[in-house]
Amino acid sequence: MLKIVPDPPHNPNQSLEDLLIQTSEYLVCALTIAQQTVLLHTKPPGQVMTLATMHEIERARSLVEMALSKVQPTH
């Protein structure tokens, strides 16, 4: 199967703060996709897994935000 979206370039010199910010942005995108999926699948069987996924994404995002608040700014 061909990948539609290429992997982003990897920068080994990226700071922890930048990695956490980028991860948070990916989680926001994933949550938006999951929210749209709930709107498309209006029947409960199609929504249950997506709602569970949304819950997990929100929890992961809150953990990233907590970790980001503990990182010392490098700028």
N, C-alpha and C. Protein backbone atom coordinates (compact mmCIF):
# COMPACT_ATOMS: atom_id res chain seq x y z
N MET A 1 0.83 -1.16 0.00
CA MET A 1 0.00 0.00 0.00
C MET A 1 0.89 1.24 0.00
N LEU A 2 0.57 2.20 -0.84
CA LEU A 2 1.34 3.43 -0.92
C LEU A 2 0.90 4.39 0.18
N LYS A 3 1.88 5.10 0.73
CA LYS A 3 1.56 6.10 1.74
C LYS A 3 1.09 7.37 1.04
N ILE A 4 0.00 7.93 1.53
CA ILE A 4 -0.54 9.15 0.94
C ILE A 4 0.25 10.36 1.43
N VAL A 5 0.59 10.36 2.70
CA VAL A 5 1.30 11.48 3.30
C VAL A 5 2.70 11.01 3.69
N PRO A 6 3.73 11.71 3.22
CA PRO A 6 5.09 11.29 3.59
C PRO A 6 5.38 11.59 5.05
N ASP A 7 6.34 10.86 5.61
CA ASP A 7 6.77 11.13 6.97
C ASP A 7 7.42 12.50 7.04
N PRO A 8 7.20 13.23 8.14
CA PRO A 8 7.86 14.53 8.27
C PRO A 8 9.36 14.33 8.42
N PRO A 9 10.14 15.33 8.02
CA PRO A 9 11.59 15.19 8.18
C PRO A 9 11.95 15.08 9.66
N HIS A 10 12.91 14.24 9.98
CA HIS A 10 13.32 14.03 11.37
C HIS A 10 14.55 14.88 11.65
N ASN A 11 14.46 15.69 12.68
CA ASN A 11 15.57 16.54 13.07
C ASN A 11 16.11 16.03 14.40
N PRO A 12 17.28 15.39 14.39
CA PRO A 12 17.82 14.83 15.64
C PRO A 12 18.19 15.90 16.68
N ASN A 13 18.30 17.16 16.27
CA ASN A 13 18.65 18.24 17.20
C ASN A 13 17.43 18.94 17.77
N GLN A 14 16.25 18.39 17.51
CA GLN A 14 15.02 19.00 18.01
C GLN A 14 14.96 18.89 19.53
N SER A 15 14.54 19.98 20.18
CA SER A 15 14.47 19.98 21.64
C SER A 15 13.26 19.17 22.12
N LEU A 16 13.30 18.80 23.38
CA LEU A 16 12.18 18.08 23.99
C LEU A 16 10.92 18.92 23.91
N GLU A 17 11.05 20.22 24.15
CA GLU A 17 9.91 21.12 24.08
C GLU A 17 9.29 21.11 22.69
N ASP A 18 10.11 21.18 21.66
CA ASP A 18 9.61 21.15 20.28
C ASP A 18 8.93 19.83 19.95
N LEU A 19 9.51 18.73 20.45
CA LEU A 19 8.90 17.41 20.22
C LEU A 19 7.53 17.32 20.88
N LEU A 20 7.42 17.83 22.10
CA LEU A 20 6.13 17.80 22.80
C LEU A 20 5.10 18.68 22.10
N ILE A 21 5.51 19.84 21.62
CA ILE A 21 4.60 20.71 20.89
C ILE A 21 4.11 20.03 19.62
N GLN A 22 5.04 19.42 18.88
CA GLN A 22 4.67 18.73 17.65
C GLN A 22 3.73 17.55 17.95
N THR A 23 4.00 16.82 19.01
CA THR A 23 3.13 15.72 19.40
C THR A 23 1.74 16.22 19.75
N SER A 24 1.67 17.32 20.47
CA SER A 24 0.38 17.91 20.83
C SER A 24 -0.40 18.30 19.57
N GLU A 25 0.29 18.86 18.58
CA GLU A 25 -0.37 19.24 17.33
C GLU A 25 -0.91 18.02 16.59
N TYR A 26 -0.15 16.92 16.59
CA TYR A 26 -0.63 15.69 15.96
C TYR A 26 -1.86 15.15 16.68
N LEU A 27 -1.86 15.25 18.00
CA LEU A 27 -3.01 14.78 18.78
C LEU A 27 -4.26 15.63 18.50
N VAL A 28 -4.08 16.93 18.31
CA VAL A 28 -5.21 17.79 17.95
C VAL A 28 -5.78 17.36 16.61
N CYS A 29 -4.92 17.07 15.65
CA CYS A 29 -5.37 16.60 14.33
C CYS A 29 -6.11 15.26 14.45
N ALA A 30 -5.56 14.35 15.24
CA ALA A 30 -6.20 13.04 15.42
C ALA A 30 -7.57 13.20 16.08
N LEU A 31 -7.67 14.09 17.06
CA LEU A 31 -8.94 14.32 17.73
C LEU A 31 -9.97 14.91 16.77
N THR A 32 -9.55 15.82 15.92
CA THR A 32 -10.45 16.41 14.93
C THR A 32 -10.96 15.35 13.96
N ILE A 33 -10.10 14.47 13.53
CA ILE A 33 -10.52 13.39 12.63
C ILE A 33 -11.51 12.48 13.33
N ALA A 34 -11.25 12.15 14.58
CA ALA A 34 -12.16 11.29 15.34
C ALA A 34 -13.52 11.96 15.52
N GLN A 35 -13.52 13.27 15.79
CA GLN A 35 -14.78 13.99 15.94
C GLN A 35 -15.58 13.98 14.65
N GLN A 36 -14.92 14.13 13.53
CA GLN A 36 -15.61 14.08 12.24
C GLN A 36 -16.16 12.68 11.97
N THR A 37 -15.42 11.66 12.39
CA THR A 37 -15.88 10.29 12.21
C THR A 37 -17.15 10.03 13.01
N VAL A 38 -17.24 10.58 14.21
CA VAL A 38 -18.46 10.43 15.02
C VAL A 38 -19.65 11.05 14.30
N LEU A 39 -19.42 12.18 13.65
CA LEU A 39 -20.50 12.84 12.92
C LEU A 39 -20.94 12.03 11.70
N LEU A 40 -20.00 11.32 11.09
CA LEU A 40 -20.32 10.52 9.90
C LEU A 40 -21.03 9.21 10.27
N HIS A 41 -20.65 8.62 11.38
CA HIS A 41 -21.25 7.36 11.82
C HIS A 41 -22.23 7.66 12.95
N THR A 42 -23.47 7.88 12.59
CA THR A 42 -24.46 8.33 13.56
C THR A 42 -25.07 7.21 14.40
N LYS A 43 -24.80 5.97 14.04
CA LYS A 43 -25.35 4.84 14.81
C LYS A 43 -24.34 4.41 15.88
N PRO A 44 -24.84 4.02 17.06
CA PRO A 44 -23.96 3.67 18.18
C PRO A 44 -22.84 2.67 17.88
N PRO A 45 -23.07 1.58 17.11
CA PRO A 45 -21.94 0.66 16.91
C PRO A 45 -20.73 1.33 16.26
N GLY A 46 -20.98 2.25 15.35
CA GLY A 46 -19.87 2.93 14.69
C GLY A 46 -19.25 4.01 15.55
N GLN A 47 -19.98 4.50 16.53
CA GLN A 47 -19.49 5.58 17.36
C GLN A 47 -18.73 5.13 18.59
N VAL A 48 -19.03 3.96 19.10
CA VAL A 48 -18.47 3.54 20.39
C VAL A 48 -16.94 3.53 20.36
N MET A 49 -16.36 2.91 19.36
CA MET A 49 -14.90 2.84 19.29
C MET A 49 -14.29 4.21 19.04
N THR A 50 -14.96 5.01 18.23
CA THR A 50 -14.44 6.35 17.96
C THR A 50 -14.50 7.22 19.21
N LEU A 51 -15.58 7.12 19.96
CA LEU A 51 -15.68 7.89 21.21
C LEU A 51 -14.62 7.45 22.21
N ALA A 52 -14.36 6.15 22.26
CA ALA A 52 -13.31 5.64 23.15
C ALA A 52 -11.94 6.16 22.69
N THR A 53 -11.74 6.18 21.38
CA THR A 53 -10.49 6.71 20.82
C THR A 53 -10.33 8.18 21.15
N MET A 54 -11.42 8.94 21.05
CA MET A 54 -11.38 10.37 21.38
C MET A 54 -10.98 10.57 22.84
N HIS A 55 -11.53 9.74 23.70
CA HIS A 55 -11.19 9.82 25.13
C HIS A 55 -9.69 9.59 25.34
N GLU A 56 -9.15 8.58 24.68
CA GLU A 56 -7.73 8.26 24.83
C GLU A 56 -6.85 9.37 24.25
N ILE A 57 -7.26 9.94 23.11
CA ILE A 57 -6.50 11.04 22.52
C ILE A 57 -6.50 12.25 23.44
N GLU A 58 -7.67 12.57 24.01
CA GLU A 58 -7.75 13.70 24.93
C GLU A 58 -6.87 13.49 26.15
N ARG A 59 -6.85 12.27 26.67
CA ARG A 59 -6.00 11.96 27.83
C ARG A 59 -4.53 12.07 27.47
N ALA A 60 -4.14 11.55 26.31
CA ALA A 60 -2.75 11.65 25.87
C ALA A 60 -2.35 13.11 25.69
N ARG A 61 -3.25 13.90 25.14
CA ARG A 61 -2.95 15.32 24.93
C ARG A 61 -2.78 16.04 26.27
N SER A 62 -3.60 15.70 27.25
CA SER A 62 -3.45 16.36 28.56
C SER A 62 -2.12 15.97 29.21
N LEU A 63 -1.68 14.73 29.00
CA LEU A 63 -0.37 14.32 29.53
C LEU A 63 0.77 15.06 28.82
N VAL A 64 0.64 15.24 27.52
CA VAL A 64 1.66 15.99 26.78
C VAL A 64 1.69 17.44 27.26
N GLU A 65 0.52 18.03 27.46
CA GLU A 65 0.45 19.41 27.94
C GLU A 65 1.06 19.53 29.34
N MET A 66 0.83 18.53 30.19
CA MET A 66 1.42 18.53 31.53
C MET A 66 2.95 18.43 31.44
N ALA A 67 3.43 17.55 30.56
CA ALA A 67 4.87 17.42 30.39
C ALA A 67 5.46 18.70 29.82
N LEU A 68 4.74 19.32 28.91
CA LEU A 68 5.21 20.57 28.30
C LEU A 68 5.32 21.68 29.34
N SER A 69 4.41 21.69 30.29
CA SER A 69 4.45 22.72 31.34
C SER A 69 5.65 22.54 32.27
N LYS A 70 6.23 21.34 32.30
CA LYS A 70 7.37 21.07 33.17
C LYS A 70 8.72 21.25 32.47
N VAL A 71 8.67 21.43 31.15
CA VAL A 71 9.90 21.60 30.38
C VAL A 71 10.39 23.04 30.53
N GLN A 72 11.66 23.18 30.77
CA GLN A 72 12.25 24.51 30.85
C GLN A 72 12.39 25.07 29.44
N PRO A 73 11.87 26.27 29.19
CA PRO A 73 12.01 26.86 27.85
C PRO A 73 13.49 27.02 27.48
N THR A 74 13.80 26.70 26.23
CA THR A 74 15.19 26.80 25.76
C THR A 74 15.41 28.02 24.90
N HIS A 75 14.40 28.86 24.78
CA HIS A 75 14.52 30.04 23.90
C HIS A 75 15.04 31.23 24.67
